[in-house]
Amino acid sequence: TGLTVAALLTAFISAVSGTAGGLILLAIMAFVFPPILLIPLHTVVQLGAAVAMTASRWRYLMRDTVLPFTLGSIVGAALGGQIFISLPQSTLQIVLGVSILVLAWVPQIARFGPQRGRFVFVGFVTTFLGMFISATGTLLATFTAAVAPDRRNHIATVGGLMCIVHVAKLTAFGFL
């Protein structure tokens, strides 16, 4: 019941702010699950949240970001998954802890290069890092906020692109 309440509260935070709920939930779940189980389980939970966020704001999705982001995500999941399964649990715990701290304070570095190329890179980085730390919505949100005309576009696009990240990660975990 505690994890269910945590998932509900952190989903509310994400619905209000557009991000950060997944990072908080990840930190809570890290007290209960080892990283090898935590990352895939958190991915499944967050996929449900991302689908709901996207479905509720579908018409605001910035569709021009989807294809380049998907291309980067596929490469990121394939490469990240190979590295993830080879790391010892202690290394994964260190990477996870440091990443939670860094993502909580991520700088606004979102405007570099043309948008299409930028989202291939962001798709790769978000999914690659997601293979190790799962909660990369905060990082992605920095980039979507920089190009979104309003908050509805930002939230819908973060949700849609995070769906891609989660499906790519789960596919990689399934193959591995």
N, C-alpha and C. Protein backbone atom coordinates (compact mmCIF):
# COMPACT_ATOMS: atom_id res chain seq x y z
N THR A 1 0.82 -1.20 0.00
CA THR A 1 0.00 0.00 0.00
C THR A 1 0.86 1.26 0.00
N GLY A 2 2.00 1.22 0.67
CA GLY A 2 2.87 2.40 0.71
C GLY A 2 3.36 2.81 -0.66
N LEU A 3 3.75 1.83 -1.49
CA LEU A 3 4.21 2.15 -2.83
C LEU A 3 3.07 2.63 -3.72
N THR A 4 1.88 2.11 -3.50
CA THR A 4 0.71 2.57 -4.27
C THR A 4 0.42 4.03 -3.95
N VAL A 5 0.45 4.39 -2.69
CA VAL A 5 0.23 5.78 -2.29
C VAL A 5 1.34 6.67 -2.85
N ALA A 6 2.58 6.19 -2.78
CA ALA A 6 3.71 6.96 -3.33
C ALA A 6 3.53 7.18 -4.83
N ALA A 7 3.10 6.15 -5.55
CA ALA A 7 2.89 6.28 -7.00
C ALA A 7 1.78 7.29 -7.29
N LEU A 8 0.71 7.26 -6.51
CA LEU A 8 -0.38 8.21 -6.68
C LEU A 8 0.07 9.64 -6.42
N LEU A 9 0.76 9.85 -5.32
CA LEU A 9 1.21 11.20 -4.98
C LEU A 9 2.23 11.74 -5.99
N THR A 10 3.15 10.89 -6.41
CA THR A 10 4.15 11.36 -7.37
C THR A 10 3.55 11.56 -8.76
N ALA A 11 2.52 10.80 -9.11
CA ALA A 11 1.81 11.03 -10.38
C ALA A 11 1.10 12.38 -10.32
N PHE A 12 0.55 12.73 -9.16
CA PHE A 12 -0.08 14.04 -8.99
C PHE A 12 0.95 15.15 -9.17
N ILE A 13 2.13 14.98 -8.61
CA ILE A 13 3.19 15.98 -8.77
C ILE A 13 3.53 16.14 -10.24
N SER A 14 3.65 15.03 -10.96
CA SER A 14 3.94 15.10 -12.40
C SER A 14 2.82 15.77 -13.17
N ALA A 15 1.58 15.48 -12.81
CA ALA A 15 0.44 16.08 -13.51
C ALA A 15 0.41 17.59 -13.31
N VAL A 16 0.79 18.04 -12.15
CA VAL A 16 0.77 19.47 -11.85
C VAL A 16 1.98 20.18 -12.46
N SER A 17 3.15 19.57 -12.32
CA SER A 17 4.37 20.24 -12.76
C SER A 17 4.83 19.82 -14.14
N GLY A 18 4.37 18.66 -14.62
CA GLY A 18 4.81 18.15 -15.91
C GLY A 18 6.03 17.25 -15.80
N THR A 19 6.63 17.18 -14.63
CA THR A 19 7.82 16.35 -14.43
C THR A 19 8.14 16.22 -12.95
N ALA A 20 9.17 15.52 -12.62
CA ALA A 20 9.74 15.35 -11.28
C ALA A 20 9.08 14.25 -10.45
N GLY A 21 7.84 13.89 -10.71
CA GLY A 21 7.20 12.83 -9.95
C GLY A 21 7.92 11.50 -10.09
N GLY A 22 8.37 11.18 -11.29
CA GLY A 22 9.08 9.93 -11.52
C GLY A 22 10.40 9.87 -10.76
N LEU A 23 11.08 10.99 -10.67
CA LEU A 23 12.34 11.05 -9.93
C LEU A 23 12.10 10.82 -8.44
N ILE A 24 11.05 11.41 -7.91
CA ILE A 24 10.71 11.22 -6.50
C ILE A 24 10.32 9.77 -6.24
N LEU A 25 9.49 9.21 -7.13
CA LEU A 25 9.08 7.81 -6.97
C LEU A 25 10.29 6.88 -7.05
N LEU A 26 11.20 7.16 -7.94
CA LEU A 26 12.41 6.35 -8.05
C LEU A 26 13.18 6.35 -6.75
N ALA A 27 13.34 7.51 -6.15
CA ALA A 27 14.07 7.61 -4.88
C ALA A 27 13.37 6.79 -3.79
N ILE A 28 12.04 6.84 -3.77
CA ILE A 28 11.28 6.06 -2.77
C ILE A 28 11.44 4.56 -3.04
N MET A 29 11.29 4.16 -4.30
CA MET A 29 11.37 2.74 -4.64
C MET A 29 12.77 2.17 -4.40
N ALA A 30 13.79 3.03 -4.46
CA ALA A 30 15.17 2.57 -4.25
C ALA A 30 15.39 2.04 -2.83
N PHE A 31 14.52 2.43 -1.91
CA PHE A 31 14.62 1.89 -0.55
C PHE A 31 14.11 0.46 -0.46
N VAL A 32 13.33 0.03 -1.45
CA VAL A 32 12.67 -1.26 -1.40
C VAL A 32 13.28 -2.29 -2.35
N PHE A 33 13.67 -1.84 -3.56
CA PHE A 33 14.09 -2.77 -4.60
C PHE A 33 15.56 -2.58 -4.97
N PRO A 34 16.27 -3.68 -5.32
CA PRO A 34 17.63 -3.55 -5.84
C PRO A 34 17.57 -2.97 -7.26
N PRO A 35 18.65 -2.30 -7.70
CA PRO A 35 18.63 -1.64 -9.01
C PRO A 35 18.24 -2.53 -10.18
N ILE A 36 18.66 -3.79 -10.17
CA ILE A 36 18.37 -4.69 -11.29
C ILE A 36 16.87 -4.90 -11.46
N LEU A 37 16.11 -4.79 -10.39
CA LEU A 37 14.66 -4.90 -10.42
C LEU A 37 14.00 -3.52 -10.44
N LEU A 38 14.61 -2.56 -9.76
CA LEU A 38 14.06 -1.22 -9.65
C LEU A 38 13.85 -0.54 -11.00
N ILE A 39 14.85 -0.58 -11.86
CA ILE A 39 14.78 0.16 -13.13
C ILE A 39 13.65 -0.38 -14.01
N PRO A 40 13.57 -1.68 -14.28
CA PRO A 40 12.44 -2.15 -15.11
C PRO A 40 11.07 -1.93 -14.46
N LEU A 41 10.97 -2.13 -13.15
CA LEU A 41 9.69 -1.94 -12.46
C LEU A 41 9.26 -0.47 -12.50
N HIS A 42 10.18 0.41 -12.23
CA HIS A 42 9.89 1.85 -12.29
C HIS A 42 9.49 2.25 -13.72
N THR A 43 10.12 1.64 -14.70
CA THR A 43 9.80 1.92 -16.10
C THR A 43 8.36 1.55 -16.40
N VAL A 44 7.91 0.40 -15.94
CA VAL A 44 6.52 -0.02 -16.18
C VAL A 44 5.54 0.96 -15.53
N VAL A 45 5.82 1.33 -14.28
CA VAL A 45 4.94 2.27 -13.57
C VAL A 45 4.89 3.61 -14.29
N GLN A 46 6.04 4.10 -14.69
CA GLN A 46 6.10 5.41 -15.36
C GLN A 46 5.52 5.38 -16.77
N LEU A 47 5.56 4.23 -17.43
CA LEU A 47 4.93 4.12 -18.74
C LEU A 47 3.43 4.39 -18.60
N GLY A 48 2.82 3.82 -17.59
CA GLY A 48 1.39 4.07 -17.35
C GLY A 48 1.11 5.54 -17.12
N ALA A 49 1.95 6.20 -16.34
CA ALA A 49 1.77 7.63 -16.08
C ALA A 49 1.98 8.45 -17.35
N ALA A 50 2.97 8.09 -18.15
CA ALA A 50 3.25 8.84 -19.38
C ALA A 50 2.13 8.67 -20.41
N VAL A 51 1.59 7.46 -20.50
CA VAL A 51 0.47 7.22 -21.42
C VAL A 51 -0.73 8.09 -21.02
N ALA A 52 -1.03 8.13 -19.73
CA ALA A 52 -2.15 8.94 -19.25
C ALA A 52 -1.91 10.42 -19.52
N MET A 53 -0.70 10.89 -19.30
CA MET A 53 -0.38 12.29 -19.51
C MET A 53 -0.49 12.64 -21.00
N THR A 54 -0.04 11.76 -21.85
CA THR A 54 -0.12 12.00 -23.29
C THR A 54 -1.56 11.93 -23.78
N ALA A 55 -2.30 10.92 -23.36
CA ALA A 55 -3.68 10.75 -23.81
C ALA A 55 -4.55 11.93 -23.43
N SER A 56 -4.32 12.50 -22.26
CA SER A 56 -5.15 13.61 -21.82
C SER A 56 -4.84 14.92 -22.55
N ARG A 57 -3.68 14.99 -23.22
CA ARG A 57 -3.27 16.22 -23.92
C ARG A 57 -2.80 15.93 -25.34
N TRP A 58 -3.33 14.89 -25.95
CA TRP A 58 -2.87 14.40 -27.25
C TRP A 58 -2.77 15.49 -28.31
N ARG A 59 -3.73 16.34 -28.37
CA ARG A 59 -3.74 17.36 -29.45
C ARG A 59 -2.64 18.40 -29.29
N TYR A 60 -1.99 18.45 -28.14
CA TYR A 60 -0.92 19.41 -27.91
C TYR A 60 0.47 18.83 -28.12
N LEU A 61 0.56 17.55 -28.44
CA LEU A 61 1.85 16.89 -28.65
C LEU A 61 2.58 17.55 -29.81
N MET A 62 3.83 17.89 -29.60
CA MET A 62 4.65 18.48 -30.67
C MET A 62 5.19 17.32 -31.51
N ARG A 63 4.44 16.96 -32.53
CA ARG A 63 4.69 15.74 -33.30
C ARG A 63 6.02 15.74 -34.05
N ASP A 64 6.55 16.91 -34.35
CA ASP A 64 7.82 16.96 -35.07
C ASP A 64 9.00 16.48 -34.22
N THR A 65 8.81 16.31 -32.92
CA THR A 65 9.89 15.81 -32.07
C THR A 65 9.89 14.28 -31.99
N VAL A 66 8.80 13.64 -32.36
CA VAL A 66 8.62 12.21 -32.12
C VAL A 66 9.60 11.35 -32.93
N LEU A 67 9.69 11.53 -34.23
CA LEU A 67 10.56 10.68 -35.05
C LEU A 67 12.03 10.82 -34.68
N PRO A 68 12.57 12.04 -34.62
CA PRO A 68 13.99 12.13 -34.25
C PRO A 68 14.26 11.57 -32.86
N PHE A 69 13.35 11.82 -31.93
CA PHE A 69 13.52 11.31 -30.58
C PHE A 69 13.50 9.79 -30.56
N THR A 70 12.59 9.19 -31.33
CA THR A 70 12.49 7.73 -31.40
C THR A 70 13.77 7.11 -31.93
N LEU A 71 14.36 7.72 -32.96
CA LEU A 71 15.61 7.20 -33.51
C LEU A 71 16.71 7.19 -32.45
N GLY A 72 16.84 8.28 -31.72
CA GLY A 72 17.83 8.35 -30.66
C GLY A 72 17.54 7.36 -29.54
N SER A 73 16.27 7.16 -29.23
CA SER A 73 15.88 6.24 -28.16
C SER A 73 16.24 4.80 -28.48
N ILE A 74 16.05 4.41 -29.71
CA ILE A 74 16.37 3.04 -30.11
C ILE A 74 17.86 2.75 -29.91
N VAL A 75 18.69 3.67 -30.35
CA VAL A 75 20.13 3.49 -30.19
C VAL A 75 20.51 3.54 -28.71
N GLY A 76 19.92 4.47 -27.96
CA GLY A 76 20.21 4.59 -26.53
C GLY A 76 19.84 3.35 -25.75
N ALA A 77 18.68 2.76 -26.06
CA ALA A 77 18.24 1.55 -25.36
C ALA A 77 19.13 0.36 -25.69
N ALA A 78 19.50 0.23 -26.95
CA ALA A 78 20.34 -0.90 -27.36
C ALA A 78 21.72 -0.83 -26.70
N LEU A 79 22.32 0.33 -26.73
CA LEU A 79 23.66 0.49 -26.14
C LEU A 79 23.60 0.46 -24.61
N GLY A 80 22.67 1.21 -24.04
CA GLY A 80 22.55 1.26 -22.58
C GLY A 80 22.21 -0.08 -21.97
N GLY A 81 21.36 -0.84 -22.63
CA GLY A 81 20.98 -2.16 -22.11
C GLY A 81 22.16 -3.10 -22.03
N GLN A 82 23.02 -3.06 -23.02
CA GLN A 82 24.21 -3.92 -23.01
C GLN A 82 25.12 -3.59 -21.84
N ILE A 83 25.26 -2.30 -21.56
CA ILE A 83 26.12 -1.88 -20.45
C ILE A 83 25.45 -2.20 -19.11
N PHE A 84 24.15 -1.95 -19.02
CA PHE A 84 23.39 -2.17 -17.78
C PHE A 84 23.55 -3.59 -17.26
N ILE A 85 23.40 -4.56 -18.15
CA ILE A 85 23.44 -5.96 -17.67
C ILE A 85 24.85 -6.40 -17.27
N SER A 86 25.88 -5.64 -17.67
CA SER A 86 27.24 -6.03 -17.33
C SER A 86 27.76 -5.37 -16.05
N LEU A 87 27.04 -4.40 -15.49
CA LEU A 87 27.51 -3.70 -14.31
C LEU A 87 27.11 -4.42 -13.02
N PRO A 88 27.99 -4.42 -12.03
CA PRO A 88 27.62 -5.02 -10.74
C PRO A 88 26.59 -4.12 -10.01
N GLN A 89 25.85 -4.72 -9.10
CA GLN A 89 24.79 -4.02 -8.39
C GLN A 89 25.33 -2.79 -7.64
N SER A 90 26.49 -2.89 -7.03
CA SER A 90 27.05 -1.76 -6.27
C SER A 90 27.32 -0.56 -7.18
N THR A 91 27.78 -0.82 -8.39
CA THR A 91 28.02 0.26 -9.35
C THR A 91 26.69 0.89 -9.76
N LEU A 92 25.68 0.06 -10.01
CA LEU A 92 24.37 0.59 -10.37
C LEU A 92 23.80 1.46 -9.25
N GLN A 93 24.00 1.07 -8.00
CA GLN A 93 23.50 1.87 -6.88
C GLN A 93 24.20 3.23 -6.82
N ILE A 94 25.48 3.27 -7.05
CA ILE A 94 26.22 4.53 -7.05
C ILE A 94 25.75 5.42 -8.20
N VAL A 95 25.64 4.85 -9.39
CA VAL A 95 25.17 5.61 -10.56
C VAL A 95 23.78 6.17 -10.30
N LEU A 96 22.91 5.35 -9.74
CA LEU A 96 21.55 5.76 -9.44
C LEU A 96 21.52 6.91 -8.44
N GLY A 97 22.25 6.80 -7.36
CA GLY A 97 22.27 7.85 -6.33
C GLY A 97 22.80 9.17 -6.85
N VAL A 98 23.93 9.13 -7.54
CA VAL A 98 24.52 10.35 -8.09
C VAL A 98 23.58 10.97 -9.12
N SER A 99 22.95 10.15 -9.94
CA SER A 99 22.06 10.66 -10.98
C SER A 99 20.82 11.33 -10.40
N ILE A 100 20.27 10.79 -9.32
CA ILE A 100 19.12 11.42 -8.69
C ILE A 100 19.51 12.82 -8.21
N LEU A 101 20.69 12.95 -7.63
CA LEU A 101 21.15 14.26 -7.17
C LEU A 101 21.37 15.23 -8.33
N VAL A 102 22.01 14.75 -9.40
CA VAL A 102 22.28 15.60 -10.56
C VAL A 102 20.98 16.03 -11.24
N LEU A 103 20.07 15.08 -11.47
CA LEU A 103 18.83 15.40 -12.16
C LEU A 103 17.94 16.34 -11.36
N ALA A 104 18.07 16.32 -10.05
CA ALA A 104 17.30 17.24 -9.23
C ALA A 104 17.76 18.68 -9.42
N TRP A 105 18.98 18.85 -9.91
CA TRP A 105 19.54 20.19 -10.09
C TRP A 105 19.95 20.47 -11.54
N VAL A 106 19.35 19.76 -12.48
CA VAL A 106 19.76 19.87 -13.88
C VAL A 106 19.67 21.33 -14.39
N PRO A 107 20.73 21.80 -15.03
CA PRO A 107 20.72 23.18 -15.55
C PRO A 107 19.89 23.29 -16.83
N GLN A 108 19.56 24.50 -17.17
CA GLN A 108 18.81 24.76 -18.40
C GLN A 108 19.81 24.82 -19.57
N ILE A 109 20.05 23.69 -20.22
CA ILE A 109 21.04 23.59 -21.30
C ILE A 109 20.36 23.19 -22.61
N ALA A 110 19.14 23.66 -22.80
CA ALA A 110 18.28 23.05 -23.78
C ALA A 110 18.33 23.61 -25.20
N ARG A 111 19.01 24.67 -25.43
CA ARG A 111 18.97 25.24 -26.79
C ARG A 111 20.33 25.11 -27.47
N PHE A 112 20.55 23.98 -28.12
CA PHE A 112 21.76 23.80 -28.90
C PHE A 112 21.39 23.11 -30.20
N GLY A 113 21.97 23.56 -31.29
CA GLY A 113 21.75 22.93 -32.59
C GLY A 113 20.31 23.02 -33.08
N PRO A 114 20.09 22.53 -34.32
CA PRO A 114 18.73 22.54 -34.87
C PRO A 114 17.83 21.57 -34.10
N GLN A 115 16.54 21.88 -34.05
CA GLN A 115 15.61 21.11 -33.23
C GLN A 115 15.58 19.63 -33.60
N ARG A 116 15.55 19.29 -34.89
CA ARG A 116 15.47 17.88 -35.29
C ARG A 116 16.71 17.12 -34.79
N GLY A 117 17.89 17.64 -35.03
CA GLY A 117 19.12 17.00 -34.57
C GLY A 117 19.20 16.98 -33.05
N ARG A 118 18.73 18.02 -32.43
CA ARG A 118 18.74 18.11 -30.97
C ARG A 118 17.92 16.97 -30.37
N PHE A 119 16.75 16.67 -30.96
CA PHE A 119 15.90 15.64 -30.38
C PHE A 119 16.38 14.22 -30.68
N VAL A 120 17.18 14.03 -31.72
CA VAL A 120 17.84 12.72 -31.90
C VAL A 120 18.81 12.53 -30.74
N PHE A 121 19.60 13.57 -30.46
CA PHE A 121 20.56 13.52 -29.36
C PHE A 121 19.85 13.34 -28.02
N VAL A 122 18.80 14.12 -27.79
CA VAL A 122 18.06 14.04 -26.52
C VAL A 122 17.41 12.67 -26.37
N GLY A 123 16.89 12.10 -27.45
CA GLY A 123 16.31 10.76 -27.40
C GLY A 123 17.35 9.73 -27.01
N PHE A 124 18.54 9.85 -27.60
CA PHE A 124 19.63 8.93 -27.27
C PHE A 124 20.02 9.05 -25.80
N VAL A 125 20.33 10.27 -25.37
CA VAL A 125 20.81 10.50 -24.00
C VAL A 125 19.75 10.11 -22.97
N THR A 126 18.51 10.53 -23.20
CA THR A 126 17.44 10.24 -22.25
C THR A 126 17.23 8.73 -22.10
N THR A 127 17.23 8.01 -23.20
CA THR A 127 17.00 6.57 -23.13
C THR A 127 18.24 5.83 -22.63
N PHE A 128 19.41 6.23 -23.10
CA PHE A 128 20.64 5.60 -22.63
C PHE A 128 20.76 5.74 -21.12
N LEU A 129 20.62 6.95 -20.60
CA LEU A 129 20.69 7.16 -19.15
C LEU A 129 19.54 6.47 -18.44
N GLY A 130 18.38 6.43 -19.09
CA GLY A 130 17.21 5.77 -18.51
C GLY A 130 17.43 4.30 -18.26
N MET A 131 18.32 3.68 -19.00
CA MET A 131 18.61 2.27 -18.79
C MET A 131 19.27 2.06 -17.42
N PHE A 132 19.90 3.09 -16.88
CA PHE A 132 20.60 2.99 -15.60
C PHE A 132 19.87 3.66 -14.45
N ILE A 133 19.18 4.77 -14.75
CA ILE A 133 18.60 5.56 -13.67
C ILE A 133 17.08 5.69 -13.78
N SER A 134 16.51 5.26 -14.87
CA SER A 134 15.07 5.22 -15.10
C SER A 134 14.40 6.58 -15.18
N ALA A 135 14.55 7.43 -14.19
CA ALA A 135 13.80 8.69 -14.12
C ALA A 135 14.53 9.80 -14.88
N THR A 136 14.29 9.88 -16.19
CA THR A 136 14.95 10.91 -17.00
C THR A 136 13.97 11.95 -17.52
N GLY A 137 12.76 11.92 -17.04
CA GLY A 137 11.76 12.91 -17.46
C GLY A 137 12.17 14.33 -17.13
N THR A 138 12.86 14.52 -16.02
CA THR A 138 13.31 15.85 -15.62
C THR A 138 14.31 16.40 -16.64
N LEU A 139 15.20 15.55 -17.11
CA LEU A 139 16.17 15.95 -18.14
C LEU A 139 15.44 16.28 -19.44
N LEU A 140 14.55 15.40 -19.86
CA LEU A 140 13.79 15.62 -21.09
C LEU A 140 12.96 16.90 -21.02
N ALA A 141 12.36 17.16 -19.87
CA ALA A 141 11.51 18.33 -19.71
C ALA A 141 12.25 19.63 -19.97
N THR A 142 13.53 19.66 -19.66
CA THR A 142 14.34 20.84 -19.92
C THR A 142 14.34 21.17 -21.41
N PHE A 143 14.46 20.14 -22.23
CA PHE A 143 14.54 20.35 -23.68
C PHE A 143 13.18 20.64 -24.30
N THR A 144 12.13 19.99 -23.83
CA THR A 144 10.81 20.26 -24.40
C THR A 144 10.31 21.64 -23.98
N ALA A 145 10.63 22.06 -22.77
CA ALA A 145 10.21 23.40 -22.32
C ALA A 145 10.83 24.49 -23.18
N ALA A 146 12.04 24.25 -23.68
CA ALA A 146 12.73 25.25 -24.49
C ALA A 146 12.08 25.46 -25.85
N VAL A 147 11.32 24.48 -26.34
CA VAL A 147 10.71 24.61 -27.67
C VAL A 147 9.19 24.63 -27.64
N ALA A 148 8.60 24.41 -26.48
CA ALA A 148 7.14 24.34 -26.39
C ALA A 148 6.53 25.73 -26.38
N PRO A 149 5.50 25.95 -27.22
CA PRO A 149 4.84 27.26 -27.23
C PRO A 149 4.08 27.56 -25.94
N ASP A 150 3.56 26.52 -25.27
CA ASP A 150 2.89 26.73 -23.98
C ASP A 150 2.98 25.47 -23.13
N ARG A 151 2.51 25.56 -21.91
CA ARG A 151 2.66 24.46 -20.95
C ARG A 151 1.94 23.19 -21.38
N ARG A 152 0.83 23.32 -22.12
CA ARG A 152 0.11 22.13 -22.58
C ARG A 152 0.94 21.35 -23.58
N ASN A 153 1.60 22.06 -24.49
CA ASN A 153 2.50 21.40 -25.44
C ASN A 153 3.66 20.73 -24.71
N HIS A 154 4.18 21.42 -23.74
CA HIS A 154 5.30 20.89 -22.95
C HIS A 154 4.90 19.59 -22.26
N ILE A 155 3.80 19.59 -21.54
CA ILE A 155 3.37 18.41 -20.78
C ILE A 155 3.01 17.25 -21.71
N ALA A 156 2.27 17.54 -22.79
CA ALA A 156 1.90 16.48 -23.73
C ALA A 156 3.13 15.87 -24.39
N THR A 157 4.09 16.70 -24.74
CA THR A 157 5.28 16.21 -25.42
C THR A 157 6.18 15.42 -24.48
N VAL A 158 6.34 15.89 -23.25
CA VAL A 158 7.12 15.11 -22.28
C VAL A 158 6.47 13.74 -22.11
N GLY A 159 5.15 13.71 -21.96
CA GLY A 159 4.45 12.43 -21.80
C GLY A 159 4.64 11.52 -23.01
N GLY A 160 4.47 12.07 -24.19
CA GLY A 160 4.61 11.26 -25.41
C GLY A 160 6.01 10.74 -25.61
N LEU A 161 7.00 11.60 -25.40
CA LEU A 161 8.38 11.17 -25.59
C LEU A 161 8.82 10.19 -24.50
N MET A 162 8.31 10.37 -23.30
CA MET A 162 8.64 9.41 -22.24
C MET A 162 7.99 8.05 -22.52
N CYS A 163 6.86 8.03 -23.19
CA CYS A 163 6.28 6.74 -23.61
C CYS A 163 7.27 6.01 -24.52
N ILE A 164 7.87 6.75 -25.44
CA ILE A 164 8.85 6.17 -26.35
C ILE A 164 10.04 5.63 -25.56
N VAL A 165 10.54 6.43 -24.61
CA VAL A 165 11.67 5.99 -23.78
C VAL A 165 11.33 4.70 -23.05
N HIS A 166 10.17 4.66 -22.41
CA HIS A 166 9.80 3.49 -21.61
C HIS A 166 9.61 2.25 -22.48
N VAL A 167 8.99 2.39 -23.62
CA VAL A 167 8.81 1.24 -24.51
C VAL A 167 10.17 0.76 -25.03
N ALA A 168 11.05 1.68 -25.39
CA ALA A 168 12.39 1.28 -25.86
C ALA A 168 13.15 0.55 -24.76
N LYS A 169 13.08 1.07 -23.53
CA LYS A 169 13.77 0.42 -22.41
C LYS A 169 13.20 -0.96 -22.13
N LEU A 170 11.88 -1.06 -22.08
CA LEU A 170 11.27 -2.36 -21.80
C LEU A 170 11.57 -3.37 -22.90
N THR A 171 11.62 -2.90 -24.14
CA THR A 171 11.99 -3.78 -25.25
C THR A 171 13.42 -4.27 -25.08
N ALA A 172 14.33 -3.36 -24.74
CA ALA A 172 15.73 -3.76 -24.52
C ALA A 172 15.84 -4.73 -23.36
N PHE A 173 15.16 -4.45 -22.25
CA PHE A 173 15.20 -5.36 -21.10
C PHE A 173 14.63 -6.72 -21.49
N GLY A 174 13.57 -6.72 -22.30
CA GLY A 174 12.97 -7.97 -22.74
C GLY A 174 13.94 -8.81 -23.56
N PHE A 175 14.66 -8.17 -24.46
CA PHE A 175 15.63 -8.90 -25.28
C PHE A 175 16.82 -9.38 -24.46
N LEU A 176 17.17 -8.59 -23.46
CA LEU A 176 18.36 -8.94 -22.66
C LEU A 176 18.02 -9.92 -21.58
